[in-house]
Amino acid sequence: MAFSSEIITVIALVSLFFGVLGTIVSLVSLNRAKKLQESQNILFSGKQASDLESIILSHSEELVALDKEIQELFEISNKIHSLAHRGV
């Protein structure tokens, strides 16, 4: 079965279109990956993973301590509220 030159031209143009489209998508993806890498380099510049881990653990411990203090303040608030309503 022989293809006419018009069909071959259309197939070639469609192939060229998808080739160019694929190249554009690849370049955009490469650009985004490069920007992401630059952002990560800025985020971690001068820091080691262990430093970041210790900071996170420290903040976690501080959050636990703050949560405990908030619970204590809430209990005190409830006691004050209860005492205030007794006098009414």
Protein backbone atom coordinates (compact mmCIF):
# COMPACT_ATOMS: atom_id res chain seq x y z
CA MET A 1 0.00 0.00 0.00
CA ALA A 2 1.57 3.25 -1.08
CA PHE A 3 1.15 6.51 0.77
CA SER A 4 0.57 9.65 -1.18
CA SER A 5 2.95 12.54 -0.73
CA GLU A 6 0.18 14.58 0.93
CA ILE A 7 -0.31 11.97 3.67
CA ILE A 8 3.43 11.72 4.23
CA THR A 9 3.64 15.52 4.48
CA VAL A 10 0.81 15.62 7.04
CA ILE A 11 2.43 12.83 9.08
CA ALA A 12 5.77 14.66 8.96
CA LEU A 13 4.17 17.94 10.07
CA VAL A 14 2.31 16.24 12.92
CA SER A 15 5.53 14.52 14.00
CA LEU A 16 7.39 17.82 13.83
CA PHE A 17 4.67 19.52 15.89
CA PHE A 18 4.83 16.88 18.63
CA GLY A 19 8.62 16.97 18.56
CA VAL A 20 8.65 20.73 19.06
CA LEU A 21 5.94 20.48 21.73
CA GLY A 22 7.93 17.80 23.57
CA THR A 23 11.05 19.96 23.44
CA ILE A 24 9.18 22.96 24.85
CA VAL A 25 7.67 20.88 27.67
CA SER A 26 11.12 19.46 28.46
CA LEU A 27 12.68 22.94 28.58
CA VAL A 28 9.93 24.26 30.86
CA SER A 29 10.33 21.26 33.17
CA LEU A 30 14.10 21.70 33.22
CA ASN A 31 13.69 25.39 34.08
CA ARG A 32 11.31 24.58 36.94
CA ALA A 33 13.65 21.90 38.28
CA LYS A 34 16.54 24.38 38.16
CA LYS A 35 14.51 26.98 40.10
CA LEU A 36 13.55 24.36 42.67
CA GLN A 37 17.19 23.35 43.06
CA GLU A 38 18.19 27.01 43.54
CA SER A 39 15.48 27.42 46.19
CA GLN A 40 16.73 24.34 48.02
CA ASN A 41 20.30 25.59 47.85
CA ILE A 42 19.22 28.91 49.39
CA LEU A 43 17.20 27.12 52.08
CA PHE A 44 20.01 24.81 53.07
CA SER A 45 22.96 27.11 52.45
CA GLY A 46 25.33 27.03 55.38
CA LYS A 47 23.18 24.51 57.20
CA GLN A 48 23.63 20.83 57.68
CA ALA A 49 20.74 18.44 57.98
CA SER A 50 21.64 17.73 61.60
CA ASP A 51 21.34 21.44 62.42
CA LEU A 52 17.90 21.56 60.84
CA GLU A 53 16.88 18.44 62.72
CA SER A 54 18.01 19.88 66.05
CA ILE A 55 16.08 23.08 65.37
CA ILE A 56 12.92 21.12 64.62
CA LEU A 57 13.33 18.98 67.74
CA SER A 58 13.94 22.08 69.86
CA HIS A 59 10.80 23.73 68.52
CA SER A 60 8.85 20.55 69.14
CA GLU A 61 9.96 20.49 72.77
CA GLU A 62 9.05 24.15 73.15
CA LEU A 63 5.59 23.47 71.71
CA VAL A 64 5.01 20.67 74.22
CA ALA A 65 6.03 22.98 77.09
CA LEU A 66 3.79 25.77 75.80
CA ASP A 67 0.88 23.36 75.44
CA LYS A 68 1.34 22.29 79.06
CA GLU A 69 1.37 25.93 80.22
CA ILE A 70 -1.77 26.67 78.19
CA GLN A 71 -3.52 23.70 79.81
CA GLU A 72 -2.54 24.99 83.27
CA LEU A 73 -3.78 28.49 82.43
CA PHE A 74 -7.05 27.04 81.16
CA GLU A 75 -7.54 25.15 84.43
CA ILE A 76 -6.81 28.32 86.43
CA SER A 77 -9.25 30.25 84.26
CA ASN A 78 -11.95 27.66 84.90
CA LYS A 79 -11.32 27.88 88.68
CA ILE A 80 -11.56 31.69 88.60
CA HIS A 81 -14.73 31.46 86.51
CA SER A 82 -16.21 28.98 89.00
CA LEU A 83 -15.30 31.16 91.99
CA ALA A 84 -16.76 34.24 90.32
CA HIS A 85 -20.12 32.52 89.78
CA ARG A 86 -20.28 31.34 93.40
CA GLY A 87 -20.40 34.91 94.59
CA VAL A 88 -23.40 35.70 92.39
